[in-house]
């Protein structure tokens, strides 16, 4: 376990390949898609969700929704493997009892990136974020509490898990453009699972920019 900052740790090679069949089942039911930002830009990262709530974005804003806007159906259930991994990782990082209600599944192709941002659409900041990396390596940017703060560059490999919460919960973070490659499990992609507790969302709450 490597401490990145107070409340943030890297767990190298923590996740196993047995997550992959569950990911394939989820994406068969709720396929990856490139969502639009409120500004009308198509995200370079393809996304889907599982669990009681899913994070979505369109021209109306960012929000959590219990249903897939493409189908109107509930998101696929959270696999027990995801819940167990998230709970173990969070416990090791000092956040016992973590039970996520949302899992974003991101697919990065070469050139795809994630700009510096905060995970602040949730109603519950008392719980950590658990981020799982599979497939192609990535350079993870872990910054401060302002977008302009200098961000550390952390190379993430297949199986690495990053957990941040408590004093680190609202730090800015992102991913540099993915370099071309081929991984035995995921092919030409990086897959990222981001497990969160969104909180009591009884209706869709939109954050407009």
C-alpha atoms as a PDB file:
ATOM      1  CA  UNK A   1       0.000   0.000   0.000  1.00  0.00           C
ATOM      2  CA  UNK A   2       1.377   3.374  -1.058  1.00  0.00           C
ATOM      3  CA  UNK A   3       0.108   6.601   0.496  1.00  0.00           C
ATOM      4  CA  UNK A   4      -0.542   9.277  -2.112  1.00  0.00           C
ATOM      5  CA  UNK A   5      -1.843  11.917   0.314  1.00  0.00           C
ATOM      6  CA  UNK A   6      -3.692  11.941   3.636  1.00  0.00           C
ATOM      7  CA  UNK A   7      -6.791   9.871   2.953  1.00  0.00           C
ATOM      8  CA  UNK A   8      -5.549   8.507  -0.396  1.00  0.00           C
ATOM      9  CA  UNK A   9      -3.710   5.261  -1.148  1.00  0.00           C
ATOM     10  CA  UNK A  10      -2.615   3.129  -4.075  1.00  0.00           C
ATOM     11  CA  UNK A  11      -3.057  -0.633  -3.766  1.00  0.00           C
ATOM     12  CA  UNK A  12      -0.825  -2.160  -6.476  1.00  0.00           C
ATOM     13  CA  UNK A  13      -2.050  -5.294  -8.252  1.00  0.00           C
ATOM     14  CA  UNK A  14      -5.048  -5.553  -5.920  1.00  0.00           C
ATOM     15  CA  UNK A  15      -7.811  -6.441  -8.404  1.00  0.00           C
ATOM     16  CA  UNK A  16      -8.045  -9.791 -10.186  1.00  0.00           C
ATOM     17  CA  UNK A  17      -9.003 -10.858 -13.697  1.00  0.00           C
ATOM     18  CA  UNK A  18     -12.193 -12.469 -12.357  1.00  0.00           C
ATOM     19  CA  UNK A  19     -13.930  -9.079 -12.631  1.00  0.00           C
ATOM     20  CA  UNK A  20     -13.882  -9.309 -16.421  1.00  0.00           C
ATOM     21  CA  UNK A  21     -16.814 -11.740 -16.979  1.00  0.00           C
ATOM     22  CA  UNK A  22     -19.060  -9.530 -14.834  1.00  0.00           C
ATOM     23  CA  UNK A  23     -18.033  -6.456 -16.815  1.00  0.00           C
ATOM     24  CA  UNK A  24     -18.911  -8.234 -20.059  1.00  0.00           C
ATOM     25  CA  UNK A  25     -22.345  -9.182 -18.717  1.00  0.00           C
ATOM     26  CA  UNK A  26     -23.026  -5.605 -17.637  1.00  0.00           C
ATOM     27  CA  UNK A  27     -21.978  -4.077 -20.942  1.00  0.00           C
ATOM     28  CA  UNK A  28     -24.094  -6.587 -22.870  1.00  0.00           C
ATOM     29  CA  UNK A  29     -27.158  -5.273 -21.028  1.00  0.00           C
ATOM     30  CA  UNK A  30     -26.101  -1.597 -20.862  1.00  0.00           C
ATOM     31  CA  UNK A  31     -23.593  -0.981 -23.687  1.00  0.00           C
ATOM     32  CA  UNK A  32     -20.816   1.559 -23.562  1.00  0.00           C
ATOM     33  CA  UNK A  33     -21.718   4.963 -24.979  1.00  0.00           C
ATOM     34  CA  UNK A  34     -20.030   8.343 -25.429  1.00  0.00           C
ATOM     35  CA  UNK A  35     -22.120  10.747 -23.368  1.00  0.00           C
ATOM     36  CA  UNK A  36     -22.468  14.463 -24.048  1.00  0.00           C
ATOM     37  CA  UNK A  37     -21.326  17.103 -21.583  1.00  0.00           C
ATOM     38  CA  UNK A  38     -23.642  19.991 -20.697  1.00  0.00           C
ATOM     39  CA  UNK A  39     -21.640  22.065 -23.174  1.00  0.00           C
ATOM     40  CA  UNK A  40     -22.518  19.636 -25.960  1.00  0.00           C
ATOM     41  CA  UNK A  41     -19.099  17.983 -26.266  1.00  0.00           C
ATOM     42  CA  UNK A  42     -18.849  14.216 -26.722  1.00  0.00           C
ATOM     43  CA  UNK A  43     -16.721  12.585 -24.050  1.00  0.00           C
ATOM     44  CA  UNK A  44     -13.687  10.698 -25.364  1.00  0.00           C
ATOM     45  CA  UNK A  45     -14.267   8.014 -22.723  1.00  0.00           C
ATOM     46  CA  UNK A  46     -17.087   5.534 -23.363  1.00  0.00           C
ATOM     47  CA  UNK A  47     -19.164   4.850 -20.258  1.00  0.00           C
ATOM     48  CA  UNK A  48     -21.848   2.721 -18.691  1.00  0.00           C
ATOM     49  CA  UNK A  49     -22.968   1.926 -15.113  1.00  0.00           C
ATOM     50  CA  UNK A  50     -24.136  -0.751 -12.754  1.00  0.00           C
ATOM     51  CA  UNK A  51     -25.784  -0.646  -9.351  1.00  0.00           C
ATOM     52  CA  UNK A  52     -28.883   1.118  -8.006  1.00  0.00           C
ATOM     53  CA  UNK A  53     -27.674   4.439  -9.435  1.00  0.00           C
ATOM     54  CA  UNK A  54     -25.752   5.404 -12.547  1.00  0.00           C
ATOM     55  CA  UNK A  55     -23.913   8.636 -13.336  1.00  0.00           C
ATOM     56  CA  UNK A  56     -25.060  10.311 -16.539  1.00  0.00           C
ATOM     57  CA  UNK A  57     -24.414  13.551 -18.353  1.00  0.00           C
ATOM     58  CA  UNK A  58     -26.205  15.355 -21.157  1.00  0.00           C
ATOM     59  CA  UNK A  59     -27.040  18.922 -22.110  1.00  0.00           C
ATOM     60  CA  UNK A  60     -29.179  19.335 -18.977  1.00  0.00           C
ATOM     61  CA  UNK A  61     -26.294  18.618 -16.589  1.00  0.00           C
ATOM     62  CA  UNK A  62     -24.580  15.950 -14.505  1.00  0.00           C
ATOM     63  CA  UNK A  63     -26.685  13.669 -12.310  1.00  0.00           C
ATOM     64  CA  UNK A  64     -27.318  10.215 -10.895  1.00  0.00           C
ATOM     65  CA  UNK A  65     -30.234   8.251 -12.310  1.00  0.00           C
ATOM     66  CA  UNK A  66     -31.719   4.883 -11.304  1.00  0.00           C
ATOM     67  CA  UNK A  67     -32.423   4.104 -14.971  1.00  0.00           C
ATOM     68  CA  UNK A  68     -30.421   3.917 -18.173  1.00  0.00           C
ATOM     69  CA  UNK A  69     -31.577   6.865 -20.305  1.00  0.00           C
ATOM     70  CA  UNK A  70     -31.069   4.804 -23.480  1.00  0.00           C
ATOM     71  CA  UNK A  71     -33.464   2.045 -22.452  1.00  0.00           C
ATOM     72  CA  UNK A  72     -35.493   3.374 -19.526  1.00  0.00           C
ATOM     73  CA  UNK A  73     -34.603   0.197 -17.628  1.00  0.00           C
ATOM     74  CA  UNK A  74     -32.746  -0.006 -14.312  1.00  0.00           C
ATOM     75  CA  UNK A  75     -28.988  -0.287 -14.577  1.00  0.00           C
ATOM     76  CA  UNK A  76     -27.603  -3.841 -14.236  1.00  0.00           C
ATOM     77  CA  UNK A  77     -27.185  -4.981 -10.654  1.00  0.00           C
ATOM     78  CA  UNK A  78     -23.874  -4.452  -8.889  1.00  0.00           C
ATOM     79  CA  UNK A  79     -21.974  -7.768  -9.054  1.00  0.00           C
ATOM     80  CA  UNK A  80     -20.968  -9.225  -5.681  1.00  0.00           C
ATOM     81  CA  UNK A  81     -17.343  -9.306  -6.890  1.00  0.00           C
ATOM     82  CA  UNK A  82     -17.409  -5.513  -7.246  1.00  0.00           C
ATOM     83  CA  UNK A  83     -18.915  -5.005  -3.805  1.00  0.00           C
ATOM     84  CA  UNK A  84     -16.413  -7.339  -2.139  1.00  0.00           C
ATOM     85  CA  UNK A  85     -13.416  -5.743  -3.847  1.00  0.00           C
ATOM     86  CA  UNK A  86     -14.575  -2.215  -3.010  1.00  0.00           C
ATOM     87  CA  UNK A  87     -15.190  -3.102   0.633  1.00  0.00           C
ATOM     88  CA  UNK A  88     -11.762  -4.743   1.030  1.00  0.00           C
ATOM     89  CA  UNK A  89      -9.913  -1.898  -0.673  1.00  0.00           C
ATOM     90  CA  UNK A  90     -11.715   0.786   1.315  1.00  0.00           C
ATOM     91  CA  UNK A  91     -11.110  -1.068   4.578  1.00  0.00           C
ATOM     92  CA  UNK A  92      -7.387  -1.270   3.919  1.00  0.00           C
ATOM     93  CA  UNK A  93      -7.382   2.457   3.157  1.00  0.00           C
ATOM     94  CA  UNK A  94      -9.039   3.235   6.494  1.00  0.00           C
ATOM     95  CA  UNK A  95     -12.678   3.438   5.422  1.00  0.00           C
ATOM     96  CA  UNK A  96     -14.486   0.413   6.878  1.00  0.00           C
ATOM     97  CA  UNK A  97     -18.050  -0.475   5.962  1.00  0.00           C
ATOM     98  CA  UNK A  98     -17.983   0.933   2.429  1.00  0.00           C
ATOM     99  CA  UNK A  99     -20.994  -0.193   0.374  1.00  0.00           C
ATOM    100  CA  UNK A 100     -21.175   1.615  -2.969  1.00  0.00           C
ATOM    101  CA  UNK A 101     -24.501   2.228  -4.664  1.00  0.00           C
ATOM    102  CA  UNK A 102     -23.023   3.311  -8.019  1.00  0.00           C
ATOM    103  CA  UNK A 103     -20.266   1.957 -10.231  1.00  0.00           C
ATOM    104  CA  UNK A 104     -19.167   3.866 -13.311  1.00  0.00           C
ATOM    105  CA  UNK A 105     -17.491   1.668 -15.911  1.00  0.00           C
ATOM    106  CA  UNK A 106     -15.251   3.670 -18.222  1.00  0.00           C
ATOM    107  CA  UNK A 107     -13.629   2.382 -21.408  1.00  0.00           C
ATOM    108  CA  UNK A 108     -10.578   4.296 -22.622  1.00  0.00           C
ATOM    109  CA  UNK A 109      -9.342   3.740 -26.159  1.00  0.00           C
ATOM    110  CA  UNK A 110      -5.971   5.154 -27.247  1.00  0.00           C
ATOM    111  CA  UNK A 111      -6.124   8.943 -27.088  1.00  0.00           C
ATOM    112  CA  UNK A 112      -9.039   9.024 -24.648  1.00  0.00           C
ATOM    113  CA  UNK A 113      -8.532  11.057 -21.484  1.00  0.00           C
ATOM    114  CA  UNK A 114     -10.312  12.477 -18.460  1.00  0.00           C
ATOM    115  CA  UNK A 115      -9.748  16.135 -17.645  1.00  0.00           C
ATOM    116  CA  UNK A 116      -9.075  17.218 -14.069  1.00  0.00           C
ATOM    117  CA  UNK A 117     -12.334  17.190 -12.122  1.00  0.00           C
ATOM    118  CA  UNK A 118     -13.821  16.587  -8.676  1.00  0.00           C
ATOM    119  CA  UNK A 119     -16.296  13.832  -7.898  1.00  0.00           C
ATOM    120  CA  UNK A 120     -18.848  16.160  -6.344  1.00  0.00           C
ATOM    121  CA  UNK A 121     -22.213  15.079  -7.766  1.00  0.00           C
ATOM    122  CA  UNK A 122     -22.778  12.723  -4.835  1.00  0.00           C
ATOM    123  CA  UNK A 123     -24.982  13.508  -1.833  1.00  0.00           C
ATOM    124  CA  UNK A 124     -22.645  11.701   0.555  1.00  0.00           C
ATOM    125  CA  UNK A 125     -19.018  12.871   0.776  1.00  0.00           C
ATOM    126  CA  UNK A 126     -18.369  10.834   3.927  1.00  0.00           C
ATOM    127  CA  UNK A 127     -17.650   7.730   1.835  1.00  0.00           C
ATOM    128  CA  UNK A 128     -14.525   7.189  -0.289  1.00  0.00           C
ATOM    129  CA  UNK A 129     -14.028   6.658  -3.998  1.00  0.00           C
ATOM    130  CA  UNK A 130     -12.609   3.290  -5.070  1.00  0.00           C
ATOM    131  CA  UNK A 131     -11.081   3.283  -8.564  1.00  0.00           C
ATOM    132  CA  UNK A 132     -10.019   0.023 -10.248  1.00  0.00           C
ATOM    133  CA  UNK A 133      -7.718  -0.086 -13.290  1.00  0.00           C
ATOM    134  CA  UNK A 134      -7.799  -2.960 -15.787  1.00  0.00           C
ATOM    135  CA  UNK A 135      -6.081  -3.370 -19.131  1.00  0.00           C
ATOM    136  CA  UNK A 136      -3.786  -0.785 -20.684  1.00  0.00           C
ATOM    137  CA  UNK A 137      -1.685   1.366 -18.331  1.00  0.00           C
ATOM    138  CA  UNK A 138      -2.601   4.968 -17.611  1.00  0.00           C
ATOM    139  CA  UNK A 139      -1.093   8.076 -16.080  1.00  0.00           C
ATOM    140  CA  UNK A 140      -3.418   9.107 -13.261  1.00  0.00           C
ATOM    141  CA  UNK A 141      -3.361  12.770 -12.285  1.00  0.00           C
ATOM    142  CA  UNK A 142      -3.965  13.383  -8.576  1.00  0.00           C
ATOM    143  CA  UNK A 143      -4.153  17.058  -7.748  1.00  0.00           C
ATOM    144  CA  UNK A 144      -5.201  19.361  -4.951  1.00  0.00           C
ATOM    145  CA  UNK A 145      -8.400  21.154  -4.070  1.00  0.00           C
ATOM    146  CA  UNK A 146      -8.167  23.726  -6.864  1.00  0.00           C
ATOM    147  CA  UNK A 147      -8.025  22.843 -10.539  1.00  0.00           C
ATOM    148  CA  UNK A 148      -4.875  24.954 -10.843  1.00  0.00           C
ATOM    149  CA  UNK A 149      -2.989  22.992  -8.155  1.00  0.00           C
ATOM    150  CA  UNK A 150      -0.091  20.909  -9.420  1.00  0.00           C
ATOM    151  CA  UNK A 151      -1.099  17.272  -9.919  1.00  0.00           C
ATOM    152  CA  UNK A 152       1.081  14.261  -9.199  1.00  0.00           C
ATOM    153  CA  UNK A 153       1.470  11.825 -12.091  1.00  0.00           C
ATOM    154  CA  UNK A 154       0.956   8.218 -11.016  1.00  0.00           C
ATOM    155  CA  UNK A 155       1.344   5.303 -13.444  1.00  0.00           C
ATOM    156  CA  UNK A 156      -1.427   2.768 -12.996  1.00  0.00           C
ATOM    157  CA  UNK A 157      -1.150  -0.798 -14.235  1.00  0.00           C
ATOM    158  CA  UNK A 158      -3.620  -3.634 -14.667  1.00  0.00           C
ATOM    159  CA  UNK A 159      -5.073  -4.568 -11.276  1.00  0.00           C
ATOM    160  CA  UNK A 160      -4.097  -1.380  -9.450  1.00  0.00           C
ATOM    161  CA  UNK A 161      -6.695   0.202  -7.165  1.00  0.00           C
ATOM    162  CA  UNK A 162      -6.717   3.781  -5.888  1.00  0.00           C
ATOM    163  CA  UNK A 163      -8.831   4.781  -2.894  1.00  0.00           C
ATOM    164  CA  UNK A 164      -9.377   8.347  -1.736  1.00  0.00           C
ATOM    165  CA  UNK A 165     -11.718   9.754   0.888  1.00  0.00           C
ATOM    166  CA  UNK A 166     -11.827  11.751   4.104  1.00  0.00           C
ATOM    167  CA  UNK A 167      -9.484  14.741   3.720  1.00  0.00           C
ATOM    168  CA  UNK A 168      -8.743  13.726   0.109  1.00  0.00           C
ATOM    169  CA  UNK A 169     -12.341  13.132  -0.997  1.00  0.00           C
ATOM    170  CA  UNK A 170     -12.686  16.287  -3.117  1.00  0.00           C
ATOM    171  CA  UNK A 171      -9.228  16.400  -4.663  1.00  0.00           C
ATOM    172  CA  UNK A 172      -9.071  17.030  -8.390  1.00  0.00           C
ATOM    173  CA  UNK A 173      -8.030  14.054 -10.490  1.00  0.00           C
ATOM    174  CA  UNK A 174      -7.906  12.948 -14.110  1.00  0.00           C
ATOM    175  CA  UNK A 175      -6.223  10.699 -16.672  1.00  0.00           C
ATOM    176  CA  UNK A 176      -3.757  11.649 -19.408  1.00  0.00           C
ATOM    177  CA  UNK A 177      -4.434  10.391 -22.959  1.00  0.00           C
ATOM    178  CA  UNK A 178      -4.054   6.620 -23.163  1.00  0.00           C
ATOM    179  CA  UNK A 179      -1.219   5.337 -25.340  1.00  0.00           C
ATOM    180  CA  UNK A 180      -1.858   2.610 -27.929  1.00  0.00           C
ATOM    181  CA  UNK A 181      -1.282  -0.955 -26.808  1.00  0.00           C
ATOM    182  CA  UNK A 182      -2.783  -4.407 -26.453  1.00  0.00           C
ATOM    183  CA  UNK A 183      -3.668  -6.170 -23.214  1.00  0.00           C
ATOM    184  CA  UNK A 184      -4.369  -9.932 -23.005  1.00  0.00           C
ATOM    185  CA  UNK A 185      -7.650  -9.350 -21.127  1.00  0.00           C
ATOM    186  CA  UNK A 186      -9.082  -6.083 -22.445  1.00  0.00           C
ATOM    187  CA  UNK A 187      -7.483  -5.823 -25.878  1.00  0.00           C
ATOM    188  CA  UNK A 188      -6.794  -2.232 -27.013  1.00  0.00           C
ATOM    189  CA  UNK A 189      -8.585  -0.638 -24.046  1.00  0.00           C
ATOM    190  CA  UNK A 190      -8.191   0.515 -20.488  1.00  0.00           C
ATOM    191  CA  UNK A 191     -11.209  -0.273 -18.313  1.00  0.00           C
ATOM    192  CA  UNK A 192     -11.824   1.699 -15.131  1.00  0.00           C
ATOM    193  CA  UNK A 193     -14.368   0.914 -12.420  1.00  0.00           C
ATOM    194  CA  UNK A 194     -15.200   3.857 -10.182  1.00  0.00           C
ATOM    195  CA  UNK A 195     -17.258   2.816  -7.156  1.00  0.00           C
ATOM    196  CA  UNK A 196     -19.047   5.493  -5.159  1.00  0.00           C
ATOM    197  CA  UNK A 197     -21.794   6.144  -2.638  1.00  0.00           C
ATOM    198  CA  UNK A 198     -24.096   8.677  -4.246  1.00  0.00           C
ATOM    199  CA  UNK A 199     -26.398   8.882  -1.233  1.00  0.00           C
ATOM    200  CA  UNK A 200     -30.163   9.177  -0.905  1.00  0.00           C
ATOM    201  CA  UNK A 201     -31.238  10.159  -4.400  1.00  0.00           C
ATOM    202  CA  UNK A 202     -35.014   9.913  -4.356  1.00  0.00           C
ATOM    203  CA  UNK A 203     -35.268  11.963  -7.529  1.00  0.00           C
ATOM    204  CA  UNK A 204     -32.796  12.997 -10.194  1.00  0.00           C
ATOM    205  CA  UNK A 205     -30.847  16.015  -9.006  1.00  0.00           C
ATOM    206  CA  UNK A 206     -29.181  17.904 -11.815  1.00  0.00           C
ATOM    207  CA  UNK A 207     -26.101  20.043 -11.406  1.00  0.00           C
ATOM    208  CA  UNK A 208     -26.151  22.662 -14.102  1.00  0.00           C
ATOM    209  CA  UNK A 209     -22.963  24.315 -15.241  1.00  0.00           C
END
